[in-house]
Structures are given as structure tokens and as C-alpha cells.
């Protein structure tokens, strides 16, 4: 699967997967949701993100888990 909204740059956030060339790591957004924040809350706090970004974050995480369990 490809994730055009998720970027990895070794010079940004230590190469952690981030949303659209931002400095917001996928893991941070997942942690925010795990702590009970809704997508609406996150988008209010980070208005440069959109619902498609958040959907891609979840799909990226699901794909990563799927890859790890398929081994």
C-alpha cells in the first residue's frame, strides 16, 4: 500500500513517519487518539491537518501492524 500523505525524511524528526512533510509524527497522533482525543479535537488543535490526513494515519498504522503479524 502507498501512503502519499505520510512522509519519512531522515532530517525531520529523526526519520519518524510524519504527516505531509510536517513535524507531526504518526505515533504522536496515534497516542493522542489512544489517550481519548477525538479526530475533531486533534484537528482543532492542529488545523493544518485534515480528516484525510487522520484517515491515512490510521491506515498506515493498520498496515504496519498487518506487516508485523504476517511474518
PDB file of N, CA and C in Angstrom:
ATOM      1  N   UNK A   1       0.826  -1.184   0.000  1.00  0.00           N
ATOM      2  CA  UNK A   1       0.000   0.000   0.000  1.00  0.00           C
ATOM      3  C   UNK A   1       0.870   1.246   0.000  1.00  0.00           C
ATOM      4  N   UNK A   2       0.391   2.278  -0.618  1.00  0.00           N
ATOM      5  CA  UNK A   2       1.120   3.545  -0.600  1.00  0.00           C
ATOM      6  C   UNK A   2       0.359   4.548   0.266  1.00  0.00           C
ATOM      7  N   UNK A   3       1.115   5.437   0.853  1.00  0.00           N
ATOM      8  CA  UNK A   3       0.554   6.431   1.767  1.00  0.00           C
ATOM      9  C   UNK A   3       1.126   7.800   1.407  1.00  0.00           C
ATOM     10  N   UNK A   4       0.557   8.457   0.397  1.00  0.00           N
ATOM     11  CA  UNK A   4       1.126   9.725  -0.069  1.00  0.00           C
ATOM     12  C   UNK A   4       1.111  10.844   0.965  1.00  0.00           C
ATOM     13  N   UNK A   5       0.268  10.754   1.963  1.00  0.00           N
ATOM     14  CA  UNK A   5       0.211  11.796   2.991  1.00  0.00           C
ATOM     15  C   UNK A   5       1.185  11.545   4.135  1.00  0.00           C
ATOM     16  N   UNK A   6       1.840  10.394   4.132  1.00  0.00           N
ATOM     17  CA  UNK A   6       2.818  10.059   5.165  1.00  0.00           C
ATOM     18  C   UNK A   6       4.209  10.162   4.551  1.00  0.00           C
ATOM     19  N   UNK A   7       5.064  10.961   5.159  1.00  0.00           N
ATOM     20  CA  UNK A   7       6.411  11.148   4.630  1.00  0.00           C
ATOM     21  C   UNK A   7       7.448  10.730   5.672  1.00  0.00           C
ATOM     22  N   UNK A   8       8.567  10.253   5.158  1.00  0.00           N
ATOM     23  CA  UNK A   8       9.698   9.878   6.012  1.00  0.00           C
ATOM     24  C   UNK A   8      10.924  10.586   5.465  1.00  0.00           C
ATOM     25  N   UNK A   9      11.515  11.429   6.286  1.00  0.00           N
ATOM     26  CA  UNK A   9      12.702  12.182   5.899  1.00  0.00           C
ATOM     27  C   UNK A   9      13.706  12.046   7.043  1.00  0.00           C
ATOM     28  N   UNK A  10      14.888  11.480   6.766  1.00  0.00           N
ATOM     29  CA  UNK A  10      15.857  11.290   7.842  1.00  0.00           C
ATOM     30  C   UNK A  10      16.254  12.588   8.550  1.00  0.00           C
ATOM     31  N   UNK A  11      16.040  13.724   7.903  1.00  0.00           N
ATOM     32  CA  UNK A  11      16.390  15.011   8.501  1.00  0.00           C
ATOM     33  C   UNK A  11      15.250  15.637   9.303  1.00  0.00           C
ATOM     34  N   UNK A  12      14.095  14.982   9.334  1.00  0.00           N
ATOM     35  CA  UNK A  12      12.931  15.516  10.050  1.00  0.00           C
ATOM     36  C   UNK A  12      12.489  14.506  11.101  1.00  0.00           C
ATOM     37  N   UNK A  13      12.475  14.917  12.345  1.00  0.00           N
ATOM     38  CA  UNK A  13      12.011  14.078  13.455  1.00  0.00           C
ATOM     39  C   UNK A  13      12.711  12.720  13.491  1.00  0.00           C
ATOM     40  N   UNK A  14      13.993  12.729  13.170  1.00  0.00           N
ATOM     41  CA  UNK A  14      14.786  11.501  13.229  1.00  0.00           C
ATOM     42  C   UNK A  14      14.339  10.421  12.264  1.00  0.00           C
ATOM     43  N   UNK A  15      13.637  10.815  11.213  1.00  0.00           N
ATOM     44  CA  UNK A  15      13.175   9.846  10.225  1.00  0.00           C
ATOM     45  C   UNK A  15      11.864   9.173  10.577  1.00  0.00           C
ATOM     46  N   UNK A  16      11.207   9.636  11.635  1.00  0.00           N
ATOM     47  CA  UNK A  16       9.908   9.062  12.009  1.00  0.00           C
ATOM     48  C   UNK A  16       8.874   9.407  10.942  1.00  0.00           C
ATOM     49  N   UNK A  17       7.955   8.497  10.660  1.00  0.00           N
ATOM     50  CA  UNK A  17       6.884   8.810   9.705  1.00  0.00           C
ATOM     51  C   UNK A  17       6.061   9.990  10.222  1.00  0.00           C
ATOM     52  N   UNK A  18       5.887  10.992   9.364  1.00  0.00           N
ATOM     53  CA  UNK A  18       5.147  12.202   9.711  1.00  0.00           C
ATOM     54  C   UNK A  18       4.066  12.453   8.668  1.00  0.00           C
ATOM     55  N   UNK A  19       3.138  13.332   9.010  1.00  0.00           N
ATOM     56  CA  UNK A  19       2.059  13.678   8.093  1.00  0.00           C
ATOM     57  C   UNK A  19       2.498  14.825   7.199  1.00  0.00           C
ATOM     58  N   UNK A  20       2.428  14.612   5.918  1.00  0.00           N
ATOM     59  CA  UNK A  20       2.651  15.613   4.863  1.00  0.00           C
ATOM     60  C   UNK A  20       3.781  16.601   5.134  1.00  0.00           C
ATOM     61  N   UNK A  21       4.965  16.124   5.212  1.00  0.00           N
ATOM     62  CA  UNK A  21       6.138  16.988   5.374  1.00  0.00           C
ATOM     63  C   UNK A  21       6.074  17.860   6.629  1.00  0.00           C
ATOM     64  N   UNK A  22       5.224  17.507   7.572  1.00  0.00           N
ATOM     65  CA  UNK A  22       5.151  18.279   8.818  1.00  0.00           C
ATOM     66  C   UNK A  22       6.129  17.682   9.824  1.00  0.00           C
ATOM     67  N   UNK A  23       6.119  18.228  10.991  1.00  0.00           N
ATOM     68  CA  UNK A  23       6.919  17.675  12.081  1.00  0.00           C
ATOM     69  C   UNK A  23       6.003  16.976  13.091  1.00  0.00           C
ATOM     70  N   UNK A  24       4.868  16.501  12.593  1.00  0.00           N
ATOM     71  CA  UNK A  24       3.906  15.788  13.437  1.00  0.00           C
ATOM     72  C   UNK A  24       4.010  14.298  13.127  1.00  0.00           C
ATOM     73  N   UNK A  25       4.649  13.530  14.010  1.00  0.00           N
ATOM     74  CA  UNK A  25       4.795  12.097  13.765  1.00  0.00           C
ATOM     75  C   UNK A  25       3.462  11.347  13.849  1.00  0.00           C
ATOM     76  N   UNK A  26       3.355  10.324  13.034  1.00  0.00           N
ATOM     77  CA  UNK A  26       2.196   9.437  13.068  1.00  0.00           C
ATOM     78  C   UNK A  26       1.995   8.920  14.491  1.00  0.00           C
ATOM     79  N   UNK A  27       3.076   8.526  15.153  1.00  0.00           N
ATOM     80  CA  UNK A  27       2.978   7.974  16.511  1.00  0.00           C
ATOM     81  C   UNK A  27       2.366   8.972  17.489  1.00  0.00           C
ATOM     82  N   UNK A  28       2.656  10.244  17.325  1.00  0.00           N
ATOM     83  CA  UNK A  28       2.083  11.265  18.206  1.00  0.00           C
ATOM     84  C   UNK A  28       0.576  11.342  18.030  1.00  0.00           C
ATOM     85  N   UNK A  29       0.132  11.318  16.784  1.00  0.00           N
ATOM     86  CA  UNK A  29      -1.308  11.382  16.519  1.00  0.00           C
ATOM     87  C   UNK A  29      -2.018  10.134  17.037  1.00  0.00           C
ATOM     88  N   UNK A  30      -1.396   8.981  16.874  1.00  0.00           N
ATOM     89  CA  UNK A  30      -1.984   7.745  17.402  1.00  0.00           C
ATOM     90  C   UNK A  30      -2.065   7.796  18.926  1.00  0.00           C
ATOM     91  N   UNK A  31      -1.032   8.319  19.566  1.00  0.00           N
ATOM     92  CA  UNK A  31      -1.038   8.444  21.026  1.00  0.00           C
ATOM     93  C   UNK A  31      -2.136   9.399  21.487  1.00  0.00           C
ATOM     94  N   UNK A  32      -2.336  10.475  20.758  1.00  0.00           N
ATOM     95  CA  UNK A  32      -3.393  11.420  21.107  1.00  0.00           C
ATOM     96  C   UNK A  32      -4.757  10.728  21.066  1.00  0.00           C
ATOM     97  N   UNK A  33      -4.980   9.914  20.031  1.00  0.00           N
ATOM     98  CA  UNK A  33      -6.246   9.183  19.932  1.00  0.00           C
ATOM     99  C   UNK A  33      -6.355   8.137  21.034  1.00  0.00           C
ATOM    100  N   UNK A  34      -5.258   7.460  21.331  1.00  0.00           N
ATOM    101  CA  UNK A  34      -5.267   6.435  22.382  1.00  0.00           C
ATOM    102  C   UNK A  34      -5.576   7.044  23.747  1.00  0.00           C
ATOM    103  N   UNK A  35      -5.197   8.301  23.933  1.00  0.00           N
ATOM    104  CA  UNK A  35      -5.462   8.994  25.195  1.00  0.00           C
ATOM    105  C   UNK A  35      -6.872   9.572  25.262  1.00  0.00           C
ATOM    106  N   UNK A  36      -7.657   9.347  24.207  1.00  0.00           N
ATOM    107  CA  UNK A  36      -9.057   9.753  24.239  1.00  0.00           C
ATOM    108  C   UNK A  36      -9.426  10.958  23.407  1.00  0.00           C
ATOM    109  N   UNK A  37      -8.471  11.568  22.735  1.00  0.00           N
ATOM    110  CA  UNK A  37      -8.813  12.710  21.887  1.00  0.00           C
ATOM    111  C   UNK A  37      -9.534  12.218  20.638  1.00  0.00           C
ATOM    112  N   UNK A  38     -10.558  12.937  20.249  1.00  0.00           N
ATOM    113  CA  UNK A  38     -11.262  12.609  19.012  1.00  0.00           C
ATOM    114  C   UNK A  38     -10.523  13.242  17.837  1.00  0.00           C
ATOM    115  N   UNK A  39     -10.848  12.771  16.653  1.00  0.00           N
ATOM    116  CA  UNK A  39     -10.265  13.377  15.449  1.00  0.00           C
ATOM    117  C   UNK A  39     -10.628  14.854  15.404  1.00  0.00           C
ATOM    118  N   UNK A  40     -11.849  15.181  15.760  1.00  0.00           N
ATOM    119  CA  UNK A  40     -12.278  16.588  15.776  1.00  0.00           C
ATOM    120  C   UNK A  40     -11.411  17.413  16.720  1.00  0.00           C
ATOM    121  N   UNK A  41     -11.130  16.874  17.906  1.00  0.00           N
ATOM    122  CA  UNK A  41     -10.268  17.580  18.868  1.00  0.00           C
ATOM    123  C   UNK A  41      -8.870  17.799  18.293  1.00  0.00           C
ATOM    124  N   UNK A  42      -8.332  16.760  17.673  1.00  0.00           N
ATOM    125  CA  UNK A  42      -6.981  16.853  17.106  1.00  0.00           C
ATOM    126  C   UNK A  42      -6.950  17.887  15.990  1.00  0.00           C
ATOM    127  N   UNK A  43      -7.963  17.870  15.126  1.00  0.00           N
ATOM    128  CA  UNK A  43      -7.999  18.825  14.017  1.00  0.00           C
ATOM    129  C   UNK A  43      -8.196  20.252  14.512  1.00  0.00           C
ATOM    130  N   UNK A  44      -8.845  20.412  15.643  1.00  0.00           N
ATOM    131  CA  UNK A  44      -8.981  21.745  16.241  1.00  0.00           C
ATOM    132  C   UNK A  44      -7.627  22.225  16.750  1.00  0.00           C
ATOM    133  N   UNK A  45      -6.879  21.323  17.380  1.00  0.00           N
ATOM    134  CA  UNK A  45      -5.554  21.671  17.901  1.00  0.00           C
ATOM    135  C   UNK A  45      -4.511  21.832  16.799  1.00  0.00           C
ATOM    136  N   UNK A  46      -4.665  21.084  15.716  1.00  0.00           N
ATOM    137  CA  UNK A  46      -3.700  21.087  14.607  1.00  0.00           C
ATOM    138  C   UNK A  46      -4.448  21.378  13.305  1.00  0.00           C
ATOM    139  N   UNK A  47      -4.885  22.622  13.107  1.00  0.00           N
ATOM    140  CA  UNK A  47      -5.777  22.944  11.988  1.00  0.00           C
ATOM    141  C   UNK A  47      -5.168  22.791  10.593  1.00  0.00           C
ATOM    142  N   UNK A  48      -3.862  22.608  10.510  1.00  0.00           N
ATOM    143  CA  UNK A  48      -3.238  22.391   9.199  1.00  0.00           C
ATOM    144  C   UNK A  48      -3.414  20.949   8.730  1.00  0.00           C
ATOM    145  N   UNK A  49      -3.910  20.071   9.608  1.00  0.00           N
ATOM    146  CA  UNK A  49      -4.243  18.702   9.225  1.00  0.00           C
ATOM    147  C   UNK A  49      -5.714  18.642   8.838  1.00  0.00           C
ATOM    148  N   UNK A  50      -6.084  17.574   8.102  1.00  0.00           N
ATOM    149  CA  UNK A  50      -7.489  17.403   7.755  1.00  0.00           C
ATOM    150  C   UNK A  50      -7.911  15.954   7.983  1.00  0.00           C
ATOM    151  N   UNK A  51      -9.187  15.685   7.765  1.00  0.00           N
ATOM    152  CA  UNK A  51      -9.723  14.350   8.029  1.00  0.00           C
ATOM    153  C   UNK A  51      -9.046  13.280   7.176  1.00  0.00           C
ATOM    154  N   UNK A  52      -8.681  13.617   5.951  1.00  0.00           N
ATOM    155  CA  UNK A  52      -7.981  12.653   5.096  1.00  0.00           C
ATOM    156  C   UNK A  52      -6.611  12.306   5.677  1.00  0.00           C
ATOM    157  N   UNK A  53      -5.941  13.282   6.265  1.00  0.00           N
ATOM    158  CA  UNK A  53      -4.663  13.005   6.937  1.00  0.00           C
ATOM    159  C   UNK A  53      -4.876  11.999   8.063  1.00  0.00           C
ATOM    160  N   UNK A  54      -5.902  12.227   8.861  1.00  0.00           N
ATOM    161  CA  UNK A  54      -6.150  11.348  10.003  1.00  0.00           C
ATOM    162  C   UNK A  54      -6.533   9.941   9.555  1.00  0.00           C
ATOM    163  N   UNK A  55      -7.305   9.839   8.492  1.00  0.00           N
ATOM    164  CA  UNK A  55      -7.656   8.517   7.962  1.00  0.00           C
ATOM    165  C   UNK A  55      -6.403   7.798   7.489  1.00  0.00           C
ATOM    166  N   UNK A  56      -5.502   8.536   6.855  1.00  0.00           N
ATOM    167  CA  UNK A  56      -4.270   7.914   6.379  1.00  0.00           C
ATOM    168  C   UNK A  56      -3.371   7.485   7.538  1.00  0.00           C
ATOM    169  N   UNK A  57      -3.360   8.244   8.616  1.00  0.00           N
ATOM    170  CA  UNK A  57      -2.604   7.850   9.810  1.00  0.00           C
ATOM    171  C   UNK A  57      -3.094   6.488  10.308  1.00  0.00           C
ATOM    172  N   UNK A  58      -4.407   6.325  10.396  1.00  0.00           N
ATOM    173  CA  UNK A  58      -4.964   5.051  10.864  1.00  0.00           C
ATOM    174  C   UNK A  58      -4.668   3.918   9.891  1.00  0.00           C
ATOM    175  N   UNK A  59      -4.794   4.183   8.601  1.00  0.00           N
ATOM    176  CA  UNK A  59      -4.488   3.152   7.604  1.00  0.00           C
ATOM    177  C   UNK A  59      -3.015   2.773   7.632  1.00  0.00           C
ATOM    178  N   UNK A  60      -2.148   3.756   7.813  1.00  0.00           N
ATOM    179  CA  UNK A  60      -0.708   3.497   7.901  1.00  0.00           C
ATOM    180  C   UNK A  60      -0.406   2.601   9.105  1.00  0.00           C
ATOM    181  N   UNK A  61      -1.009   2.918  10.238  1.00  0.00           N
ATOM    182  CA  UNK A  61      -0.795   2.119  11.448  1.00  0.00           C
ATOM    183  C   UNK A  61      -1.325   0.703  11.265  1.00  0.00           C
ATOM    184  N   UNK A  62      -2.495   0.572  10.666  1.00  0.00           N
ATOM    185  CA  UNK A  62      -3.067  -0.757  10.431  1.00  0.00           C
ATOM    186  C   UNK A  62      -2.169  -1.569   9.516  1.00  0.00           C
ATOM    187  N   UNK A  63      -1.628  -0.931   8.498  1.00  0.00           N
ATOM    188  CA  UNK A  63      -0.735  -1.624   7.570  1.00  0.00           C
ATOM    189  C   UNK A  63       0.546  -2.062   8.277  1.00  0.00           C
ATOM    190  N   UNK A  64       1.066  -1.216   9.160  1.00  0.00           N
ATOM    191  CA  UNK A  64       2.284  -1.564   9.900  1.00  0.00           C
ATOM    192  C   UNK A  64       2.043  -2.767  10.803  1.00  0.00           C
ATOM    193  N   UNK A  65       0.902  -2.805  11.463  1.00  0.00           N
ATOM    194  CA  UNK A  65       0.579  -3.943  12.332  1.00  0.00           C
ATOM    195  C   UNK A  65       0.387  -5.199  11.491  1.00  0.00           C
ATOM    196  N   UNK A  66      -0.297  -5.059  10.380  1.00  0.00           N
ATOM    197  CA  UNK A  66      -0.520  -6.190   9.482  1.00  0.00           C
ATOM    198  C   UNK A  66       0.813  -6.760   9.012  1.00  0.00           C
ATOM    199  N   UNK A  67       1.749  -5.896   8.643  1.00  0.00           N
ATOM    200  CA  UNK A  67       3.074  -6.346   8.198  1.00  0.00           C
ATOM    201  C   UNK A  67       3.808  -7.090   9.306  1.00  0.00           C
ATOM    202  N   UNK A  68       3.715  -6.608  10.533  1.00  0.00           N
ATOM    203  CA  UNK A  68       4.427  -7.245  11.654  1.00  0.00           C
ATOM    204  C   UNK A  68       3.830  -8.596  12.004  1.00  0.00           C
ATOM    205  N   UNK A  69       2.528  -8.745  11.872  1.00  0.00           N
ATOM    206  CA  UNK A  69       1.894 -10.009  12.243  1.00  0.00           C
ATOM    207  C   UNK A  69       1.946 -11.030  11.122  1.00  0.00           C
ATOM    208  N   UNK A  70       2.265 -10.595   9.916  1.00  0.00           N
ATOM    209  CA  UNK A  70       2.323 -11.511   8.770  1.00  0.00           C
ATOM    210  C   UNK A  70       3.640 -12.271   8.712  1.00  0.00           C
ATOM    211  N   UNK A  71       4.607 -11.878   9.516  1.00  0.00           N
ATOM    212  CA  UNK A  71       5.936 -12.508   9.475  1.00  0.00           C
ATOM    213  C   UNK A  71       5.937 -13.881  10.057  1.00  0.00           C
TER     214      UNK A  71
END
